[in-house]
C-alpha atoms as a PDB file:
ATOM      1  CA  VAL A   1      79.988 -10.137 -14.981  1.00  0.00           C
ATOM      2  CA  GLY A   2      81.904  -8.733 -12.043  1.00  0.00           C
ATOM      3  CA  ILE A   3      79.039  -7.518  -9.865  1.00  0.00           C
ATOM      4  CA  ILE A   4      75.639  -9.058  -9.183  1.00  0.00           C
ATOM      5  CA  ARG A   5      73.141  -6.492  -7.851  1.00  0.00           C
ATOM      6  CA  ILE A   6      69.997  -7.484  -5.986  1.00  0.00           C
ATOM      7  CA  GLY A   7      67.584  -4.637  -5.201  1.00  0.00           C
ATOM      8  CA  THR A   8      65.306  -5.421  -2.267  1.00  0.00           C
ATOM      9  CA  ARG A   9      63.183  -3.939   0.506  1.00  0.00           C
ATOM     10  CA  VAL A  10      62.868  -7.288   2.253  1.00  0.00           C
ATOM     11  CA  LEU A  11      65.310  -6.467   5.064  1.00  0.00           C
ATOM     12  CA  SER A  12      63.232  -3.439   6.079  1.00  0.00           C
ATOM     13  CA  TYR A  13      59.973  -5.371   6.495  1.00  0.00           C
ATOM     14  CA  ASN A  14      60.845  -9.095   6.687  1.00  0.00           C
ATOM     15  CA  PRO A  15      64.420  -9.696   7.878  1.00  0.00           C
ATOM     16  CA  TYR A  16      63.415 -13.242   8.791  1.00  0.00           C
ATOM     17  CA  ARG A  17      63.608 -14.048   5.075  1.00  0.00           C
ATOM     18  CA  VAL A  18      67.377 -13.908   5.657  1.00  0.00           C
ATOM     19  CA  LEU A  19      67.534 -14.973   9.307  1.00  0.00           C
ATOM     20  CA  ASN A  20      65.443 -18.114   8.841  1.00  0.00           C
ATOM     21  CA  ASP A  21      66.941 -19.287   5.557  1.00  0.00           C
ATOM     22  CA  PRO A  22      70.452 -20.740   5.946  1.00  0.00           C
ATOM     23  CA  GLU A  23      70.345 -21.913   2.327  1.00  0.00           C
ATOM     24  CA  LEU A  24      70.077 -18.297   1.148  1.00  0.00           C
ATOM     25  CA  LEU A  25      73.178 -17.391   3.138  1.00  0.00           C
ATOM     26  CA  GLU A  26      74.998 -20.410   1.678  1.00  0.00           C
ATOM     27  CA  VAL A  27      74.171 -19.212  -1.837  1.00  0.00           C
ATOM     28  CA  VAL A  28      75.517 -15.738  -0.987  1.00  0.00           C
ATOM     29  CA  LYS A  29      78.685 -17.284   0.480  1.00  0.00           C
ATOM     30  CA  ARG A  30      79.164 -19.530  -2.541  1.00  0.00           C
ATOM     31  CA  PHE A  31      78.724 -16.825  -5.179  1.00  0.00           C
ATOM     32  CA  SER A  32      79.889 -13.568  -3.551  1.00  0.00           C
ATOM     33  CA  LEU A  33      83.595 -13.825  -4.220  1.00  0.00           C
ATOM     34  CA  PRO A  34      86.388 -11.275  -4.661  1.00  0.00           C
ATOM     35  CA  GLU A  35      86.195 -11.610  -8.460  1.00  0.00           C
ATOM     36  CA  LYS A  36      82.376 -11.513  -8.602  1.00  0.00           C
ATOM     37  CA  ARG A  37      80.710  -9.791  -5.645  1.00  0.00           C
ATOM     38  CA  ILE A  38      77.014  -9.798  -4.724  1.00  0.00           C
ATOM     39  CA  TYR A  39      75.705  -6.350  -3.806  1.00  0.00           C
ATOM     40  CA  PHE A  40      72.384  -5.986  -2.013  1.00  0.00           C
ATOM     41  CA  MET A  41      70.846  -2.625  -2.873  1.00  0.00           C
ATOM     42  CA  LEU A  42      68.641  -2.142   0.194  1.00  0.00           C
ATOM     43  CA  HIS A  43      65.679   0.214   0.442  1.00  0.00           C
ATOM     44  CA  TYR A  44      65.441   1.591   3.966  1.00  0.00           C
ATOM     45  CA  SER A  45      63.491   4.868   3.894  1.00  0.00           C
ATOM     46  CA  HIS A  46      63.217   5.634   7.615  1.00  0.00           C
ATOM     47  CA  PRO A  47      65.492   4.832  10.590  1.00  0.00           C
ATOM     48  CA  ARG A  48      62.640   2.991  12.358  1.00  0.00           C
ATOM     49  CA  GLU A  49      62.869   0.330   9.667  1.00  0.00           C
ATOM     50  CA  ILE A  50      66.309  -0.628  10.987  1.00  0.00           C
ATOM     51  CA  THR A  51      65.211  -2.980  13.767  1.00  0.00           C
ATOM     52  CA  LEU A  52      67.438  -5.376  15.713  1.00  0.00           C
ATOM     53  CA  PRO A  53      66.389  -8.360  13.535  1.00  0.00           C
ATOM     54  CA  SER A  54      66.955  -6.253  10.423  1.00  0.00           C
ATOM     55  CA  ALA A  55      70.452  -5.265  11.574  1.00  0.00           C
ATOM     56  CA  GLU A  56      71.195  -8.902  12.383  1.00  0.00           C
ATOM     57  CA  ALA A  57      70.089  -9.957   8.884  1.00  0.00           C
ATOM     58  CA  CYS A  58      72.444  -7.344   7.409  1.00  0.00           C
ATOM     59  CA  ASP A  59      75.267  -8.676   9.555  1.00  0.00           C
ATOM     60  CA  ARG A  60      74.654 -12.235   8.351  1.00  0.00           C
ATOM     61  CA  LEU A  61      74.739 -11.155   4.724  1.00  0.00           C
ATOM     62  CA  ILE A  62      78.013  -9.293   5.303  1.00  0.00           C
ATOM     63  CA  GLU A  63      79.507 -12.308   7.127  1.00  0.00           C
ATOM     64  CA  ASN A  64      78.755 -14.383   4.043  1.00  0.00           C
ATOM     65  CA  GLY A  65      80.483 -12.016   1.636  1.00  0.00           C
ATOM     66  CA  ALA A  66      77.752  -9.628   0.494  1.00  0.00           C
ATOM     67  CA  ILE A  67      78.236  -5.876   0.148  1.00  0.00           C
ATOM     68  CA  LEU A  68      75.305  -3.715   1.309  1.00  0.00           C
ATOM     69  CA  CYS A  69      74.264  -0.317  -0.030  1.00  0.00           C
ATOM     70  CA  ASN A  70      71.084   1.663   0.529  1.00  0.00           C
ATOM     71  CA  GLN A  71      68.998   3.816  -1.763  1.00  0.00           C
ATOM     72  CA  THR A  72      65.808   5.611  -0.852  1.00  0.00           C
ATOM     73  CA  PRO A  73      63.523   8.190  -2.355  1.00  0.00           C
ATOM     74  CA  MET A  74      63.071  11.395  -0.394  1.00  0.00           C
ATOM     75  CA  LEU A  75      59.434  11.119   0.630  1.00  0.00           C
ATOM     76  CA  HIS A  76      57.330  14.032   1.868  1.00  0.00           C
ATOM     77  CA  GLY A  77      56.068  13.210   5.355  1.00  0.00           C
ATOM     78  CA  VAL A  78      58.391  10.208   5.749  1.00  0.00           C
ATOM     79  CA  ASN A  79      62.054  11.233   5.548  1.00  0.00           C
ATOM     80  CA  ASP A  80      62.031  14.869   4.367  1.00  0.00           C
ATOM     81  CA  ASP A  81      63.345  16.051   7.729  1.00  0.00           C
ATOM     82  CA  PRO A  82      67.118  16.528   8.142  1.00  0.00           C
ATOM     83  CA  ARG A  83      67.108  14.828  11.565  1.00  0.00           C
ATOM     84  CA  VAL A  84      65.275  11.772  10.238  1.00  0.00           C
ATOM     85  CA  LEU A  85      67.421  11.499   7.112  1.00  0.00           C
ATOM     86  CA  GLY A  86      70.625  12.087   9.103  1.00  0.00           C
ATOM     87  CA  GLU A  87      69.650   9.406  11.601  1.00  0.00           C
ATOM     88  CA  LEU A  88      68.955   7.042   8.701  1.00  0.00           C
ATOM     89  CA  PHE A  89      72.414   7.717   7.221  1.00  0.00           C
ATOM     90  CA  ASP A  90      74.137   7.095  10.570  1.00  0.00           C
ATOM     91  CA  LYS A  91      72.186   3.913  11.308  1.00  0.00           C
ATOM     92  CA  LEU A  92      72.909   2.597   7.833  1.00  0.00           C
ATOM     93  CA  SER A  93      76.615   3.188   8.351  1.00  0.00           C
ATOM     94  CA  ARG A  94      76.536   1.340  11.691  1.00  0.00           C
ATOM     95  CA  ILE A  95      74.877  -1.749  10.196  1.00  0.00           C
ATOM     96  CA  GLY A  96      77.299  -1.844   7.268  1.00  0.00           C
ATOM     97  CA  ALA A  97      74.921  -0.574   4.564  1.00  0.00           C
ATOM     98  CA  THR A  98      76.553   2.299   2.701  1.00  0.00           C
ATOM     99  CA  PRO A  99      74.206   5.276   2.119  1.00  0.00           C
ATOM    100  CA  TYR A 100      74.319   5.306  -1.694  1.00  0.00           C
ATOM    101  CA  TYR A 101      71.510   7.253  -3.356  1.00  0.00           C
ATOM    102  CA  VAL A 102      68.680   9.494  -2.211  1.00  0.00           C
ATOM    103  CA  PHE A 103      66.312   9.830  -5.144  1.00  0.00           C
ATOM    104  CA  ILE A 104      64.142  12.826  -5.894  1.00  0.00           C
ATOM    105  CA  CYS A 105      60.669  11.459  -6.639  1.00  0.00           C
ATOM    106  CA  ARG A 106      59.415  11.858 -10.143  1.00  0.00           C
ATOM    107  CA  PRO A 107      56.203  13.936  -9.766  1.00  0.00           C
ATOM    108  CA  THR A 108      53.802  11.487 -11.400  1.00  0.00           C
ATOM    109  CA  VAL A 109      50.097  11.145 -10.626  1.00  0.00           C
ATOM    110  CA  GLY A 110      50.536   8.236  -8.195  1.00  0.00           C
ATOM    111  CA  ASN A 111      53.348   9.675  -6.096  1.00  0.00           C
ATOM    112  CA  LYS A 112      52.782  13.436  -6.373  1.00  0.00           C
ATOM    113  CA  PRO A 113      51.744  13.695  -2.662  1.00  0.00           C
ATOM    114  CA  TYR A 114      55.170  12.318  -1.652  1.00  0.00           C
ATOM    115  CA  THR A 115      57.313  14.618  -3.791  1.00  0.00           C
ATOM    116  CA  VAL A 116      59.631  17.318  -2.476  1.00  0.00           C
ATOM    117  CA  PRO A 117      60.800  20.267  -4.635  1.00  0.00           C
ATOM    118  CA  VAL A 118      64.371  19.846  -5.929  1.00  0.00           C
ATOM    119  CA  GLU A 119      65.952  22.772  -4.080  1.00  0.00           C
ATOM    120  CA  ARG A 120      64.144  21.971  -0.829  1.00  0.00           C
ATOM    121  CA  ALA A 121      65.295  18.347  -1.177  1.00  0.00           C
ATOM    122  CA  TYR A 122      68.882  19.566  -1.558  1.00  0.00           C
ATOM    123  CA  GLU A 123      68.610  21.721   1.600  1.00  0.00           C
ATOM    124  CA  ILE A 124      67.209  18.779   3.599  1.00  0.00           C
ATOM    125  CA  PHE A 125      69.863  16.445   2.174  1.00  0.00           C
ATOM    126  CA  GLU A 126      72.765  18.767   3.031  1.00  0.00           C
ATOM    127  CA  LYS A 127      71.459  19.509   6.539  1.00  0.00           C
ATOM    128  CA  ALA A 128      71.092  15.747   7.121  1.00  0.00           C
ATOM    129  CA  ARG A 129      74.668  15.163   5.979  1.00  0.00           C
ATOM    130  CA  GLY A 130      75.803  17.893   8.382  1.00  0.00           C
ATOM    131  CA  LEU A 131      74.384  15.852  11.270  1.00  0.00           C
ATOM    132  CA  CYS A 132      76.311  12.695  10.306  1.00  0.00           C
ATOM    133  CA  SER A 133      79.720  11.237  10.811  1.00  0.00           C
ATOM    134  CA  GLY A 134      81.934  11.116   7.728  1.00  0.00           C
ATOM    135  CA  LEU A 135      80.764   7.598   6.915  1.00  0.00           C
ATOM    136  CA  GLY A 136      77.141   8.771   6.861  1.00  0.00           C
ATOM    137  CA  LYS A 137      77.901  11.447   4.251  1.00  0.00           C
ATOM    138  CA  ARG A 138      78.447   9.085   1.310  1.00  0.00           C
ATOM    139  CA  ALA A 139      75.004   9.324  -0.338  1.00  0.00           C
ATOM    140  CA  ARG A 140      74.321  11.317  -3.496  1.00  0.00           C
ATOM    141  CA  LEU A 141      71.090  13.212  -4.223  1.00  0.00           C
ATOM    142  CA  VAL A 142      69.978  12.152  -7.695  1.00  0.00           C
ATOM    143  CA  MET A 143      67.169  11.892 -10.229  1.00  0.00           C
ATOM    144  CA  SER A 144      66.742   8.943 -12.601  1.00  0.00           C
ATOM    145  CA  HIS A 145      65.963  11.014 -15.671  1.00  0.00           C
ATOM    146  CA  ALA A 146      65.405   9.700 -19.211  1.00  0.00           C
ATOM    147  CA  SER A 147      68.749  11.268 -20.188  1.00  0.00           C
ATOM    148  CA  GLY A 148      70.652   9.645 -17.303  1.00  0.00           C
ATOM    149  CA  LYS A 149      71.245   9.753 -13.589  1.00  0.00           C
ATOM    150  CA  ILE A 150      71.486  13.425 -12.673  1.00  0.00           C
ATOM    151  CA  GLU A 151      73.047  14.494  -9.389  1.00  0.00           C
ATOM    152  CA  VAL A 152      71.965  17.688  -7.658  1.00  0.00           C
ATOM    153  CA  ALA A 153      75.502  18.878  -6.921  1.00  0.00           C
ATOM    154  CA  ALA A 154      74.889  22.320  -5.393  1.00  0.00           C
ATOM    155  CA  VAL A 155      72.346  25.046  -4.795  1.00  0.00           C
ATOM    156  CA  THR A 156      73.562  28.619  -4.435  1.00  0.00           C
ATOM    157  CA  GLY A 157      71.451  31.681  -3.776  1.00  0.00           C
ATOM    158  CA  ASP A 158      70.417  32.029  -7.411  1.00  0.00           C
ATOM    159  CA  SER A 159      71.586  28.867  -9.203  1.00  0.00           C
ATOM    160  CA  VAL A 160      71.265  25.092  -9.138  1.00  0.00           C
ATOM    161  CA  VAL A 161      74.178  22.940 -10.259  1.00  0.00           C
ATOM    162  CA  PHE A 162      73.455  19.523 -11.758  1.00  0.00           C
ATOM    163  CA  ARG A 163      75.935  16.889 -12.884  1.00  0.00           C
ATOM    164  CA  TYR A 164      75.398  13.774 -14.953  1.00  0.00           C
ATOM    165  CA  HIS A 165      76.431  10.953 -12.677  1.00  0.00           C
ATOM    166  CA  ARG A 166      75.608   8.538 -15.499  1.00  0.00           C
ATOM    167  CA  ALA A 167      74.329   9.538 -18.923  1.00  0.00           C
ATOM    168  CA  ALA A 168      72.488   7.862 -21.801  1.00  0.00           C
ATOM    169  CA  ASP A 169      74.884   9.707 -24.115  1.00  0.00           C
ATOM    170  CA  PRO A 170      78.445   8.830 -22.999  1.00  0.00           C
ATOM    171  CA  ALA A 171      79.587  12.316 -24.057  1.00  0.00           C
ATOM    172  CA  ASP A 172      77.411  13.777 -21.279  1.00  0.00           C
ATOM    173  CA  CYS A 173      78.923  11.691 -18.475  1.00  0.00           C
ATOM    174  CA  GLY A 174      80.259  14.089 -15.839  1.00  0.00           C
ATOM    175  CA  ARG A 175      78.792  17.130 -17.636  1.00  0.00           C
ATOM    176  CA  VAL A 176      77.885  20.003 -15.312  1.00  0.00           C
ATOM    177  CA  MET A 177      74.756  22.073 -15.935  1.00  0.00           C
ATOM    178  CA  ILE A 178      73.846  25.324 -14.169  1.00  0.00           C
ATOM    179  CA  TYR A 179      70.287  26.663 -14.131  1.00  0.00           C
ATOM    180  CA  PRO A 180      68.683  29.682 -12.495  1.00  0.00           C
ATOM    181  CA  SER A 181      66.979  28.824  -9.218  1.00  0.00           C
ATOM    182  CA  ASN A 182      63.357  27.680  -9.439  1.00  0.00           C
ATOM    183  CA  ARG A 183      61.939  26.982  -5.975  1.00  0.00           C
ATOM    184  CA  ASP A 184      58.807  25.493  -7.596  1.00  0.00           C
ATOM    185  CA  ALA A 185      60.746  22.877  -9.596  1.00  0.00           C
ATOM    186  CA  TYR A 186      60.009  19.264  -8.728  1.00  0.00           C
ATOM    187  CA  TRP A 187      61.999  17.694 -11.570  1.00  0.00           C
ATOM    188  CA  PHE A 188      64.937  18.369 -13.869  1.00  0.00           C
ATOM    189  CA  ASP A 189      62.575  19.214 -16.743  1.00  0.00           C
ATOM    190  CA  ASP A 190      61.203  22.140 -14.703  1.00  0.00           C
ATOM    191  CA  TYR A 191      64.554  23.874 -15.271  1.00  0.00           C
ATOM    192  CA  VAL A 192      64.306  25.078 -18.844  1.00  0.00           C
ATOM    193  CA  GLU A 193      66.868  27.800 -19.451  1.00  0.00           C
ATOM    194  CA  ALA A 194      70.473  27.059 -18.604  1.00  0.00           C
ATOM    195  CA  ALA A 195      72.533  29.851 -17.066  1.00  0.00           C
ATOM    196  CA  THR A 196      75.101  31.433 -19.359  1.00  0.00           C
ATOM    197  CA  ASP A 197      78.687  32.313 -18.469  1.00  0.00           C
END
């Protein structure tokens, strides 16, 4: 084991869990070492969640050897605005939490109201990145699909380019797939006929 990953939203709603617990910071300091690093996979979804206490909690984790990354779903009505998402990326970079993944929501019954169509999500994502410094541009727009983690790599006028960032079948890792545009697609499975050369 070379990396220990801890996924948490606690810093966005209760940073005092870190600020008021010196024993937690001691554990991080003891076990986050160059040969085995602790990564905190944070879940900030909106820049307003990055409060002064929250930023201070991030700083304390970093001081004690942790690495911070952030992943968030793109949520309709929450962060599906390029200015909001761009501000989130910049604030994350300033507090030392690398923007890592922006997930496209799976359109299931419970979260359907929060979903954003794939190609619209890509437009928002790219416009947000255009508002950021270089350090804010590090996130990838992805879907956690049954076949692997699929990155939305590009949208042209008539095509969408996907790439397996990680794949269930190792032979698919890095594979690029091009599909005709479908502005009504909310998920990878909505693209059914791959483009031909």
